[in-house]
Amino acid sequence: MKLLRFVLRLALVLPLILFGLFCVGLVYPFIRPASRAWLNRTWSRALMAACGLRVSFKGQPRLSGPVLMVANHVSWIDIFVLNSARATSFVAKSEIRKWPVIGWLVAGAGTLFIERGQRHAVHAMGESMQARFKLGDAVGLFPEGTTTEGFDLLPFHASLFEPARSAAVEIQPVALRFMRDGKRDGFAAFVGEESLVANLWRVMGTTGLSVEVVYLPVLEARHPDGSLPTRLELSHQARDAILGVL
């Protein structure tokens, strides 16, 4: 049954991937940002459904204006789950660009890739994030820097909070709660040395997977006296908020 289920879902996913690549290469350059955002949302929802993943939302996401979405990181699935609510440009490690198919898709959708270990990488990424904020876009950040099984949080890297902090852009923490048959489960997590193909085989071959996306209250951009919080304060506040619902 697992093989049959995987094959049937793959038959749905492959046309979606081809359509996504077509849009990225031949449609996106000629349509308005609002139309690209609509396509991103619609395509992401269709992809998650085709993979057999049910997505539900809680809370009030910021659906307009510049915002930094800060989430825990469990899987390659996370980017598409969050894009299902609002088209978002994610900050991601440059290695993802090299992933077959998924790397091409997320690059075409506006992902901002950071070259880890490069001296000026954080500064360059900050400038790219600021440019997206000026356009009124949402930027997504996984500040743990790697994936976990989703039950706890690693320490947050605070440096990439700086572009939003200095521009007084709203920061919204988001908790991703993965489940299987209605219970919290790390089954879909993409961790360790597992290959992308192996994770796809496991996720697309099973049933009962779901993700609950919890949008938490936006962090205060300024202290009561009008001063800006430090990036370390913001990273701690975001981490505490997410951890509180995991």
Protein backbone atom coordinates (compact mmCIF):
# COMPACT_ATOMS: atom_id res chain seq x y z
CA MET A 1 0.00 0.00 0.00
CA LYS A 2 2.85 2.39 0.79
CA LEU A 3 4.30 1.96 -2.70
CA LEU A 4 0.90 2.41 -4.36
CA ARG A 5 0.18 5.50 -2.26
CA PHE A 6 3.57 6.98 -3.12
CA VAL A 7 3.10 6.34 -6.84
CA LEU A 8 -0.38 7.89 -6.88
CA ARG A 9 0.79 10.98 -5.04
CA LEU A 10 3.84 11.28 -7.23
CA ALA A 11 1.51 11.28 -10.23
CA LEU A 12 -0.14 14.36 -8.75
CA VAL A 13 3.05 16.07 -7.59
CA LEU A 14 5.02 15.80 -10.85
CA PRO A 15 2.56 17.87 -12.94
CA LEU A 16 2.50 20.47 -10.15
CA ILE A 17 6.30 20.64 -10.17
CA LEU A 18 6.36 21.04 -13.94
CA PHE A 19 3.75 23.78 -13.70
CA GLY A 20 5.76 25.48 -10.95
CA LEU A 21 8.94 25.41 -13.03
CA PHE A 22 6.99 26.79 -16.00
CA CYS A 23 5.67 29.67 -13.88
CA VAL A 24 9.07 30.46 -12.39
CA GLY A 25 10.81 30.48 -15.77
CA LEU A 26 8.22 31.89 -18.14
CA VAL A 27 5.35 33.47 -16.23
CA TYR A 28 6.76 35.24 -13.16
CA PRO A 29 8.97 37.67 -15.12
CA PHE A 30 5.89 39.08 -16.89
CA ILE A 31 3.23 39.34 -14.19
CA ARG A 32 2.63 41.72 -11.30
CA PRO A 33 3.89 40.93 -7.77
CA ALA A 34 0.31 40.45 -6.55
CA SER A 35 -0.28 37.80 -9.22
CA ARG A 36 2.98 36.04 -8.34
CA ALA A 37 1.95 36.03 -4.69
CA TRP A 38 -1.43 34.49 -5.55
CA LEU A 39 0.25 31.80 -7.65
CA ASN A 40 2.71 31.04 -4.84
CA ARG A 41 -0.09 30.60 -2.31
CA THR A 42 -2.31 28.53 -4.58
CA TRP A 43 0.51 26.33 -5.83
CA SER A 44 1.84 25.71 -2.30
CA ARG A 45 -1.60 24.66 -1.07
CA ALA A 46 -2.00 22.29 -4.01
CA LEU A 47 1.45 20.78 -3.42
CA MET A 48 0.78 20.08 0.24
CA ALA A 49 -2.57 18.47 -0.62
CA ALA A 50 -0.95 16.33 -3.32
CA CYS A 51 1.69 15.16 -0.83
CA GLY A 52 -1.09 14.06 1.52
CA LEU A 53 -0.41 16.76 4.10
CA ARG A 54 -3.30 18.59 5.76
CA VAL A 55 -2.54 22.17 6.81
CA SER A 56 -4.54 24.13 9.37
CA PHE A 57 -4.03 27.67 10.65
CA LYS A 58 -4.54 29.27 14.05
CA GLY A 59 -4.14 32.90 15.06
CA GLN A 60 -3.97 35.99 12.89
CA PRO A 61 -1.15 36.11 10.32
CA ARG A 62 0.02 39.49 9.03
CA LEU A 63 -1.29 39.31 5.47
CA SER A 64 -0.19 42.75 4.29
CA GLY A 65 2.71 45.12 4.81
CA PRO A 66 6.31 44.29 5.65
CA VAL A 67 6.78 41.63 8.32
CA LEU A 68 9.44 39.18 9.48
CA MET A 69 7.92 35.73 10.04
CA VAL A 70 10.03 33.76 12.53
CA ALA A 71 9.35 30.00 12.76
CA ASN A 72 10.78 26.78 14.11
CA HIS A 73 12.26 24.55 11.41
CA VAL A 74 11.30 20.89 10.93
CA SER A 75 11.38 20.04 7.23
CA TRP A 76 11.58 21.19 3.61
CA ILE A 77 7.79 21.25 3.98
CA ASP A 78 7.92 24.37 6.17
CA ILE A 79 8.51 26.82 3.32
CA PHE A 80 5.50 25.60 1.36
CA VAL A 81 3.26 25.41 4.44
CA LEU A 82 3.95 29.05 5.32
CA ASN A 83 3.61 30.12 1.70
CA SER A 84 0.11 28.62 1.78
CA ALA A 85 -1.03 31.55 3.94
CA ARG A 86 1.07 34.39 2.52
CA ALA A 87 3.74 34.46 -0.17
CA THR A 88 6.99 34.83 1.75
CA SER A 89 10.64 35.27 0.79
CA PHE A 90 12.60 32.95 3.04
CA VAL A 91 16.15 33.24 4.29
CA ALA A 92 17.74 29.85 3.66
CA LYS A 93 21.18 28.29 3.57
CA SER A 94 22.75 28.31 0.13
CA GLU A 95 22.91 24.49 0.05
CA ILE A 96 19.14 24.38 -0.53
CA ARG A 97 19.62 26.01 -3.93
CA LYS A 98 21.42 22.81 -5.00
CA TRP A 99 18.58 20.48 -4.01
CA PRO A 100 17.02 18.88 -7.10
CA VAL A 101 13.72 20.47 -8.12
CA ILE A 102 12.87 21.94 -4.68
CA GLY A 103 15.95 24.16 -4.85
CA TRP A 104 14.91 25.52 -8.25
CA LEU A 105 11.36 26.13 -7.09
CA VAL A 106 12.19 27.98 -3.89
CA ALA A 107 14.82 30.04 -5.72
CA GLY A 108 12.29 31.08 -8.33
CA ALA A 109 9.79 31.95 -5.61
CA GLY A 110 12.15 34.56 -4.18
CA THR A 111 14.14 32.73 -1.50
CA LEU A 112 17.10 34.69 -0.13
CA PHE A 113 20.12 32.40 0.10
CA ILE A 114 22.83 33.05 2.68
CA GLU A 115 26.39 31.82 2.16
CA ARG A 116 27.23 30.50 5.60
CA GLY A 117 30.83 30.97 6.61
CA GLN A 118 31.38 33.94 4.30
CA ARG A 119 32.66 37.04 6.07
CA HIS A 120 30.13 39.49 4.66
CA ALA A 121 27.20 37.07 4.31
CA VAL A 122 25.08 38.47 7.15
CA HIS A 123 25.58 42.08 6.02
CA ALA A 124 24.64 41.22 2.42
CA MET A 125 21.60 39.27 3.59
CA GLY A 126 20.53 42.20 5.75
CA GLU A 127 20.56 44.49 2.73
CA SER A 128 18.47 41.98 0.75
CA MET A 129 15.95 41.72 3.57
CA GLN A 130 15.72 45.50 3.87
CA ALA A 131 14.98 45.73 0.14
CA ARG A 132 12.11 43.24 0.50
CA PHE A 133 10.71 45.12 3.48
CA LYS A 134 10.69 48.36 1.45
CA LEU A 135 8.52 46.59 -1.12
CA GLY A 136 6.05 45.66 1.62
CA ASP A 137 6.96 41.95 1.44
CA ALA A 138 6.99 39.24 4.07
CA VAL A 139 10.35 37.67 4.84
CA GLY A 140 10.57 34.27 6.56
CA LEU A 141 13.34 33.23 8.92
CA PHE A 142 14.24 29.93 10.59
CA PRO A 143 16.59 31.29 13.27
CA GLU A 144 17.62 27.88 14.63
CA GLY A 145 19.72 27.52 11.49
CA THR A 146 18.87 23.83 11.11
CA THR A 147 15.97 21.41 11.47
CA THR A 148 14.76 19.52 14.54
CA GLU A 149 11.97 17.00 15.17
CA GLY A 150 9.77 19.91 16.24
CA PHE A 151 9.30 19.25 19.95
CA ASP A 152 11.89 21.70 21.23
CA LEU A 153 13.88 24.69 20.02
CA LEU A 154 17.57 25.19 19.53
CA PRO A 155 19.04 28.59 20.42
CA PHE A 156 18.17 31.33 17.93
CA HIS A 157 20.77 33.16 15.88
CA ALA A 158 19.96 36.81 16.61
CA SER A 159 21.93 38.50 13.83
CA LEU A 160 19.23 38.18 11.16
CA PHE A 161 16.72 39.95 13.41
CA GLU A 162 18.70 43.16 12.90
CA PRO A 163 17.22 44.26 9.52
CA ALA A 164 13.67 44.11 10.92
CA ARG A 165 14.71 45.67 14.23
CA SER A 166 16.49 48.64 12.71
CA ALA A 167 13.59 49.34 10.33
CA ALA A 168 10.99 48.84 13.11
CA VAL A 169 9.33 46.16 10.97
CA GLU A 170 6.85 43.91 12.72
CA ILE A 171 8.13 40.48 13.79
CA GLN A 172 5.61 37.64 14.06
CA PRO A 173 6.58 34.35 15.71
CA VAL A 174 5.05 31.25 14.10
CA ALA A 175 4.95 27.74 15.58
CA LEU A 176 4.82 24.72 13.28
CA ARG A 177 3.29 21.70 15.01
CA PHE A 178 3.61 18.47 12.99
CA MET A 179 1.19 15.66 13.73
CA ARG A 180 0.36 12.15 12.65
CA ASP A 181 -3.10 10.72 13.18
CA GLY A 182 -3.95 13.71 15.36
CA LYS A 183 -0.97 13.36 17.74
CA ARG A 184 2.29 15.28 17.84
CA ASP A 185 4.89 13.34 15.88
CA GLY A 186 8.33 13.87 14.37
CA PHE A 187 7.65 11.45 11.50
CA ALA A 188 7.95 14.11 8.77
CA ALA A 189 11.06 15.79 10.19
CA PHE A 190 13.98 16.14 7.77
CA VAL A 191 16.92 15.83 10.15
CA GLY A 192 20.38 14.34 10.40
CA GLU A 193 21.95 12.70 7.38
CA GLU A 194 18.70 11.59 5.74
CA SER A 195 18.50 12.29 2.02
CA LEU A 196 15.74 14.37 0.48
CA VAL A 197 14.60 11.37 -1.59
CA ALA A 198 14.30 9.19 1.53
CA ASN A 199 12.25 11.86 3.29
CA LEU A 200 9.96 12.27 0.29
CA TRP A 201 9.44 8.49 0.19
CA ARG A 202 8.45 8.44 3.86
CA VAL A 203 6.20 11.51 3.78
CA MET A 204 4.39 10.68 0.54
CA GLY A 205 3.99 7.02 1.40
CA THR A 206 2.08 7.45 4.65
CA THR A 207 -1.29 8.76 5.81
CA GLY A 208 -2.53 11.01 8.60
CA LEU A 209 0.14 13.72 8.39
CA SER A 210 -0.88 17.24 9.25
CA VAL A 211 0.70 20.56 10.21
CA GLU A 212 -0.84 23.09 12.54
CA VAL A 213 0.48 26.60 11.87
CA VAL A 214 0.09 28.81 14.94
CA TYR A 215 0.48 32.54 14.30
CA LEU A 216 1.43 34.21 17.58
CA PRO A 217 1.04 37.89 18.55
CA VAL A 218 3.39 40.31 16.81
CA LEU A 219 6.34 41.46 18.92
CA GLU A 220 6.39 45.09 19.98
CA ALA A 221 8.63 47.04 17.60
CA ARG A 222 9.50 49.61 20.27
CA HIS A 223 9.73 49.84 24.05
CA PRO A 224 7.15 52.05 25.83
CA ASP A 225 9.74 54.86 25.90
CA GLY A 226 10.10 54.70 22.10
CA SER A 227 13.50 53.02 22.06
CA LEU A 228 14.20 49.98 19.92
CA PRO A 229 14.74 46.57 21.55
CA THR A 230 18.02 44.84 20.82
CA ARG A 231 18.13 41.99 18.33
CA LEU A 232 18.99 39.66 21.21
CA GLU A 233 15.86 40.75 23.08
CA LEU A 234 13.75 40.15 19.98
CA SER A 235 15.24 36.72 19.36
CA HIS A 236 14.57 35.71 22.99
CA GLN A 237 10.99 37.02 22.83
CA ALA A 238 10.31 35.16 19.57
CA ARG A 239 11.86 31.94 20.87
CA ASP A 240 9.90 32.07 24.14
CA ALA A 241 6.64 32.67 22.27
CA ILE A 242 7.17 29.70 19.92
CA LEU A 243 8.43 27.41 22.66
CA GLY A 244 5.33 28.20 24.72
CA VAL A 245 3.04 26.45 22.20
CA LEU A 246 5.28 23.62 21.00
